[in-house]
């Protein structure tokens, strides 16, 4: 952090949510007390249902879905610097920086706003990759929202959501942070508060490629649209579920096991499957019975995400 070639140098760090520059002496001792590093939530989501209505001329699919926010997820921390460099302090194994949505989100915001600041980003990864619960998209949204505050770049929610759409169709839903119905390619969002239930989210330990699912010839693409006001769980489905279960027997086996205990469904393009409960204890009791070959977690469905709650504090 310090520049030993000069008596005084400056570092940039976050103070009360703002990027500030302050002088430090040659020994690197800050003239202000160091602020403890903050962890920013990067919550999971569930697609309670996912209908595929058709395909647009640009190749994207026309969807309808209910995105349920959860109170569980990854965490990110941001060490703001003044060197303009954007790096991962905790690189993701097998994911080059140029493909990492966190890095891409930070660079997108930096390029949009011409900020002089940089950042070193730490990730506490708890959500499985390729699970259909929004890990990468949520990470990108948290990077956009947190750095917009820490860099003092001043974009509003609509501008951040628009930036996020360039990274993926699910990113805007995490930027906005509300349980919501979504249409279009996922960007047409209408907040839709739900009864806050408990979910057991289980992972069969297989990776499902979203691209492979959406390009598969057997994927249904002709589900009639529904009116949001008419939504009932039992009258909806996940149009990707049967295809993924056919291609990945582990998903089918997990789904069949969970259905013995509670209403269950695959989320997104998989591979995670969720079961719905009215209370935490019931969900935890079933998780305790989960075979060792599978992992899972219990989370509460919330109408405002932990990220949104942090911003509004």
Protein backbone atom coordinates (compact mmCIF):
# COMPACT_ATOMS: atom_id res chain seq x y z
CA UNK A 1 0.00 0.00 0.00
CA UNK A 2 2.84 2.43 0.72
CA UNK A 3 5.29 4.09 -1.62
CA UNK A 4 8.65 4.04 0.18
CA UNK A 5 10.25 6.35 -2.39
CA UNK A 6 8.53 9.44 -1.02
CA UNK A 7 7.99 10.74 2.51
CA UNK A 8 4.25 10.88 2.00
CA UNK A 9 1.98 8.89 -0.26
CA UNK A 10 -1.73 8.41 -0.43
CA UNK A 11 -3.98 5.39 -0.31
CA UNK A 12 -7.64 5.07 -1.08
CA UNK A 13 -9.92 3.17 1.22
CA UNK A 14 -13.60 3.05 2.05
CA UNK A 15 -14.80 5.25 4.87
CA UNK A 16 -18.49 5.25 5.73
CA UNK A 17 -19.26 3.73 2.37
CA UNK A 18 -17.33 6.32 0.34
CA UNK A 19 -14.03 6.19 -1.50
CA UNK A 20 -11.71 8.77 0.01
CA UNK A 21 -8.04 9.64 -0.38
CA UNK A 22 -6.00 10.33 2.72
CA UNK A 23 -2.33 10.85 3.49
CA UNK A 24 -0.21 8.19 5.12
CA UNK A 25 3.30 8.51 6.44
CA UNK A 26 6.32 6.60 5.17
CA UNK A 27 5.61 3.73 7.57
CA UNK A 28 2.14 3.30 6.12
CA UNK A 29 0.39 4.42 9.28
CA UNK A 30 -2.93 5.97 8.41
CA UNK A 31 -3.83 9.32 9.87
CA UNK A 32 -7.34 7.98 10.37
CA UNK A 33 -8.30 4.76 12.10
CA UNK A 34 -8.56 1.74 9.79
CA UNK A 35 -12.07 0.64 9.04
CA UNK A 36 -12.71 -3.07 9.45
CA UNK A 37 -13.20 -4.83 6.13
CA UNK A 38 -16.88 -5.24 5.34
CA UNK A 39 -18.43 -8.32 3.78
CA UNK A 40 -21.23 -7.68 1.33
CA UNK A 41 -23.96 -10.31 0.89
CA UNK A 42 -24.38 -12.01 -2.48
CA UNK A 43 -27.62 -13.94 -1.97
CA UNK A 44 -28.98 -16.98 -3.74
CA UNK A 45 -32.29 -17.06 -5.57
CA UNK A 46 -34.75 -19.73 -6.58
CA UNK A 47 -36.81 -19.87 -9.73
CA UNK A 48 -40.05 -21.03 -8.14
CA UNK A 49 -41.27 -21.66 -11.66
CA UNK A 50 -39.74 -21.15 -15.09
CA UNK A 51 -41.86 -21.05 -18.23
CA UNK A 52 -40.37 -20.71 -21.71
CA UNK A 53 -42.81 -18.98 -24.02
CA UNK A 54 -40.74 -18.81 -27.18
CA UNK A 55 -37.61 -17.33 -28.65
CA UNK A 56 -36.86 -13.79 -29.81
CA UNK A 57 -35.29 -13.01 -33.19
CA UNK A 58 -31.94 -12.41 -31.47
CA UNK A 59 -31.91 -15.99 -30.17
CA UNK A 60 -32.74 -15.18 -26.55
CA UNK A 61 -35.64 -17.03 -24.96
CA UNK A 62 -38.82 -15.35 -23.80
CA UNK A 63 -39.37 -16.37 -20.20
CA UNK A 64 -41.75 -16.04 -17.29
CA UNK A 65 -40.52 -16.79 -13.80
CA UNK A 66 -40.92 -16.03 -10.12
CA UNK A 67 -37.55 -15.15 -8.58
CA UNK A 68 -37.52 -15.87 -4.86
CA UNK A 69 -34.72 -14.19 -2.90
CA UNK A 70 -33.06 -16.19 -0.11
CA UNK A 71 -31.30 -15.07 3.07
CA UNK A 72 -28.25 -17.26 2.28
CA UNK A 73 -25.43 -16.90 -0.23
CA UNK A 74 -21.85 -15.92 -0.95
CA UNK A 75 -20.05 -12.90 0.48
CA UNK A 76 -17.69 -10.38 -1.15
CA UNK A 77 -15.26 -7.89 0.37
CA UNK A 78 -13.71 -4.93 -1.44
CA UNK A 79 -10.35 -3.31 -0.70
CA UNK A 80 -10.51 -0.04 -2.64
CA UNK A 81 -7.20 1.19 -4.08
CA UNK A 82 -6.08 4.25 -6.03
CA UNK A 83 -4.04 2.43 -8.69
CA UNK A 84 -6.96 1.73 -11.04
CA UNK A 85 -6.30 -2.02 -11.00
CA UNK A 86 -9.17 -4.50 -10.58
CA UNK A 87 -8.07 -7.86 -9.21
CA UNK A 88 -9.33 -10.90 -7.30
CA UNK A 89 -7.58 -11.53 -3.99
CA UNK A 90 -9.26 -14.95 -4.03
CA UNK A 91 -9.31 -16.18 -7.65
CA UNK A 92 -11.89 -18.82 -8.57
CA UNK A 93 -10.20 -22.07 -9.50
CA UNK A 94 -10.65 -22.82 -13.19
CA UNK A 95 -12.16 -19.38 -13.94
CA UNK A 96 -9.80 -16.92 -15.67
CA UNK A 97 -10.21 -13.28 -14.62
CA UNK A 98 -11.49 -12.32 -18.06
CA UNK A 99 -14.37 -14.79 -17.60
CA UNK A 100 -15.06 -13.98 -13.95
CA UNK A 101 -18.35 -12.08 -13.70
CA UNK A 102 -17.12 -10.23 -10.62
CA UNK A 103 -14.14 -8.78 -12.47
CA UNK A 104 -16.26 -8.10 -15.56
CA UNK A 105 -18.86 -6.24 -13.45
CA UNK A 106 -16.22 -4.10 -11.74
CA UNK A 107 -14.57 -3.22 -15.05
CA UNK A 108 -17.92 -2.42 -16.62
CA UNK A 109 -18.71 0.02 -13.82
CA UNK A 110 -15.21 1.53 -13.95
CA UNK A 111 -15.41 2.06 -17.71
CA UNK A 112 -18.91 3.52 -17.50
CA UNK A 113 -18.06 6.00 -14.76
CA UNK A 114 -14.37 6.70 -15.54
CA UNK A 115 -13.48 6.22 -11.89
CA UNK A 116 -9.75 6.52 -11.07
CA UNK A 117 -10.07 3.92 -8.33
CA UNK A 118 -9.24 0.23 -8.36
CA UNK A 119 -10.14 -2.64 -6.08
CA UNK A 120 -8.95 -5.99 -4.77
CA UNK A 121 -11.94 -8.31 -4.29
CA UNK A 122 -12.25 -11.24 -1.90
CA UNK A 123 -14.92 -13.91 -2.34
CA UNK A 124 -16.27 -16.27 0.30
CA UNK A 125 -17.85 -18.88 -1.99
CA UNK A 126 -20.65 -20.92 -0.47
CA UNK A 127 -23.01 -21.42 -3.41
CA UNK A 128 -22.31 -24.20 -5.93
CA UNK A 129 -21.33 -23.16 -9.44
CA UNK A 130 -23.72 -24.30 -12.15
CA UNK A 131 -26.47 -24.85 -9.60
CA UNK A 132 -29.23 -22.65 -10.98
CA UNK A 133 -29.36 -20.52 -7.83
CA UNK A 134 -27.71 -17.44 -9.29
CA UNK A 135 -24.23 -17.58 -7.77
CA UNK A 136 -22.32 -15.86 -10.59
CA UNK A 137 -25.09 -13.40 -11.43
CA UNK A 138 -25.52 -12.50 -7.77
CA UNK A 139 -21.75 -11.99 -7.40
CA UNK A 140 -21.79 -9.61 -10.37
CA UNK A 141 -24.73 -7.65 -8.94
CA UNK A 142 -23.07 -7.33 -5.55
CA UNK A 143 -19.91 -6.04 -7.23
CA UNK A 144 -21.92 -3.41 -9.12
CA UNK A 145 -23.96 -2.29 -6.11
CA UNK A 146 -21.12 -2.29 -3.59
CA UNK A 147 -18.55 -0.58 -5.82
CA UNK A 148 -21.08 2.03 -6.91
CA UNK A 149 -21.20 3.02 -3.25
CA UNK A 150 -17.54 2.47 -2.34
CA UNK A 151 -16.25 4.27 -5.45
CA UNK A 152 -18.92 7.00 -5.08
CA UNK A 153 -19.82 6.62 -8.74
CA UNK A 154 -23.41 7.70 -8.16
CA UNK A 155 -25.39 5.50 -10.56
CA UNK A 156 -29.02 4.88 -9.70
CA UNK A 157 -30.70 1.48 -9.51
CA UNK A 158 -32.02 1.59 -13.08
CA UNK A 159 -28.56 2.43 -14.44
CA UNK A 160 -26.96 -0.38 -12.44
CA UNK A 161 -29.62 -2.84 -13.61
CA UNK A 162 -29.02 -1.82 -17.22
CA UNK A 163 -25.29 -2.37 -16.79
CA UNK A 164 -26.00 -5.73 -15.20
CA UNK A 165 -28.11 -6.87 -18.14
CA UNK A 166 -24.98 -6.78 -20.30
CA UNK A 167 -23.49 -9.40 -17.97
CA UNK A 168 -26.48 -11.74 -17.84
CA UNK A 169 -30.27 -11.81 -17.80
CA UNK A 170 -30.43 -12.61 -14.06
CA UNK A 171 -28.12 -9.82 -12.88
CA UNK A 172 -30.78 -7.04 -12.82
CA UNK A 173 -33.01 -9.05 -10.47
CA UNK A 174 -30.17 -9.18 -7.93
CA UNK A 175 -29.39 -5.48 -8.41
CA UNK A 176 -32.99 -4.64 -7.56
CA UNK A 177 -33.06 -7.16 -4.72
CA UNK A 178 -36.77 -7.92 -4.60
CA UNK A 179 -38.64 -11.21 -4.90
CA UNK A 180 -40.36 -10.58 -8.21
CA UNK A 181 -42.07 -11.90 -11.29
CA UNK A 182 -39.86 -11.58 -14.35
CA UNK A 183 -40.63 -11.63 -18.06
CA UNK A 184 -38.86 -10.98 -21.35
CA UNK A 185 -35.36 -12.45 -21.10
CA UNK A 186 -35.60 -11.80 -17.35
CA UNK A 187 -35.24 -8.02 -17.36
CA UNK A 188 -38.95 -7.12 -17.15
CA UNK A 189 -39.30 -7.18 -13.36
CA UNK A 190 -42.35 -6.64 -11.15
CA UNK A 191 -41.92 -6.97 -7.36
CA UNK A 192 -44.20 -9.70 -6.06
CA UNK A 193 -44.01 -10.21 -2.28
CA UNK A 194 -44.66 -13.83 -1.25
CA UNK A 195 -45.33 -15.60 2.02
CA UNK A 196 -41.88 -16.08 3.53
CA UNK A 197 -41.40 -19.84 3.51
CA UNK A 198 -38.40 -22.02 4.26
CA UNK A 199 -36.50 -23.98 1.64
CA UNK A 200 -34.18 -26.94 1.62
CA UNK A 201 -31.92 -26.40 -1.38
CA UNK A 202 -30.04 -29.56 -2.37
CA UNK A 203 -27.22 -30.06 -4.85
CA UNK A 204 -26.77 -33.41 -6.64
CA UNK A 205 -23.12 -32.55 -7.40
CA UNK A 206 -23.45 -32.36 -11.16
CA UNK A 207 -22.75 -29.29 -13.29
CA UNK A 208 -25.49 -28.33 -15.74
CA UNK A 209 -24.56 -25.99 -18.57
CA UNK A 210 -27.18 -23.28 -19.03
CA UNK A 211 -26.09 -22.86 -22.64
CA UNK A 212 -26.50 -26.56 -23.34
CA UNK A 213 -30.02 -26.53 -21.88
CA UNK A 214 -31.22 -23.49 -23.84
CA UNK A 215 -29.80 -24.78 -27.13
CA UNK A 216 -31.14 -28.33 -26.72
CA UNK A 217 -33.68 -29.27 -29.41
CA UNK A 218 -35.93 -31.02 -26.87
CA UNK A 219 -36.41 -27.95 -24.67
CA UNK A 220 -40.11 -26.88 -24.59
CA UNK A 221 -40.52 -23.41 -26.04
CA UNK A 222 -44.28 -22.97 -26.39
CA UNK A 223 -45.73 -22.57 -22.88
CA UNK A 224 -48.69 -20.14 -22.91
CA UNK A 225 -48.14 -16.96 -20.90
CA UNK A 226 -49.83 -16.63 -17.52
CA UNK A 227 -51.22 -13.57 -15.76
CA UNK A 228 -49.24 -12.78 -12.63
CA UNK A 229 -52.43 -12.25 -10.65
CA UNK A 230 -53.43 -15.85 -11.43
CA UNK A 231 -50.18 -17.41 -10.18
CA UNK A 232 -50.48 -20.66 -8.20
CA UNK A 233 -47.46 -22.88 -7.58
CA UNK A 234 -49.32 -26.08 -8.44
CA UNK A 235 -50.36 -24.67 -11.83
CA UNK A 236 -46.80 -23.86 -12.88
CA UNK A 237 -43.65 -25.87 -13.64
CA UNK A 238 -40.03 -25.60 -14.65
CA UNK A 239 -39.87 -26.16 -18.41
CA UNK A 240 -36.19 -27.14 -18.11
CA UNK A 241 -36.73 -29.78 -15.44
CA UNK A 242 -37.67 -32.84 -17.52
CA UNK A 243 -34.89 -32.27 -20.05
CA UNK A 244 -32.25 -31.84 -17.32
CA UNK A 245 -33.56 -34.88 -15.42
CA UNK A 246 -33.34 -36.96 -18.61
CA UNK A 247 -29.76 -35.84 -19.25
CA UNK A 248 -28.63 -36.00 -15.62
CA UNK A 249 -30.11 -38.95 -13.66
CA UNK A 250 -28.65 -37.55 -10.43
CA UNK A 251 -31.04 -34.60 -10.69
CA UNK A 252 -33.99 -36.94 -11.26
CA UNK A 253 -33.00 -39.09 -8.26
CA UNK A 254 -32.65 -36.09 -5.94
CA UNK A 255 -35.97 -34.64 -7.07
CA UNK A 256 -37.74 -37.96 -6.51
CA UNK A 257 -36.21 -38.24 -3.02
CA UNK A 258 -37.30 -34.74 -1.99
CA UNK A 259 -40.84 -35.22 -3.29
CA UNK A 260 -41.37 -37.82 -0.57
CA UNK A 261 -41.17 -35.01 1.99
CA UNK A 262 -42.46 -31.79 0.45
CA UNK A 263 -43.43 -30.01 -2.78
CA UNK A 264 -40.18 -29.91 -4.76
CA UNK A 265 -38.88 -28.57 -8.05
CA UNK A 266 -35.64 -27.84 -9.89
CA UNK A 267 -34.53 -24.21 -9.91
CA UNK A 268 -33.41 -22.46 -13.10
CA UNK A 269 -31.54 -24.79 -15.42
CA UNK A 270 -30.36 -26.83 -12.43
CA UNK A 271 -28.73 -28.71 -11.04
CA UNK A 272 -30.06 -27.65 -7.61
CA UNK A 273 -33.49 -28.76 -6.47
CA UNK A 274 -35.56 -27.15 -3.72
CA UNK A 275 -38.24 -28.39 -1.35
CA UNK A 276 -40.70 -25.99 0.29
CA UNK A 277 -41.61 -25.96 3.98
CA UNK A 278 -43.69 -23.75 6.25
CA UNK A 279 -41.09 -23.72 9.05
CA UNK A 280 -37.34 -23.97 9.55
CA UNK A 281 -37.42 -27.05 11.80
CA UNK A 282 -39.19 -29.20 9.21
CA UNK A 283 -36.67 -28.21 6.55
CA UNK A 284 -33.73 -28.97 8.84
CA UNK A 285 -35.18 -32.36 9.78
CA UNK A 286 -35.30 -33.40 6.12
CA UNK A 287 -31.81 -32.01 5.46
CA UNK A 288 -30.50 -34.20 8.28
CA UNK A 289 -31.73 -37.22 6.31
CA UNK A 290 -30.10 -36.11 3.06
CA UNK A 291 -27.87 -38.91 1.69
CA UNK A 292 -24.13 -38.24 1.91
CA UNK A 293 -23.78 -38.04 -1.87
CA UNK A 294 -25.74 -34.79 -1.86
CA UNK A 295 -25.18 -31.45 -0.12
CA UNK A 296 -27.71 -28.86 0.86
CA UNK A 297 -28.59 -25.82 2.94
CA UNK A 298 -31.71 -24.44 4.57
CA UNK A 299 -32.66 -20.84 3.83
CA UNK A 300 -35.58 -18.51 4.36
CA UNK A 301 -37.35 -16.95 1.42
CA UNK A 302 -37.31 -13.16 1.84
CA UNK A 303 -38.99 -10.39 -0.10
CA UNK A 304 -36.00 -8.01 0.19
CA UNK A 305 -32.54 -9.46 -0.33
CA UNK A 306 -29.73 -9.13 2.24
CA UNK A 307 -27.85 -6.96 -0.29
CA UNK A 308 -30.77 -4.55 -0.61
CA UNK A 309 -31.12 -4.44 3.18
CA UNK A 310 -27.43 -3.53 3.55
CA UNK A 311 -27.70 -0.69 1.05
CA UNK A 312 -30.80 0.68 2.78
CA UNK A 313 -29.21 0.63 6.26
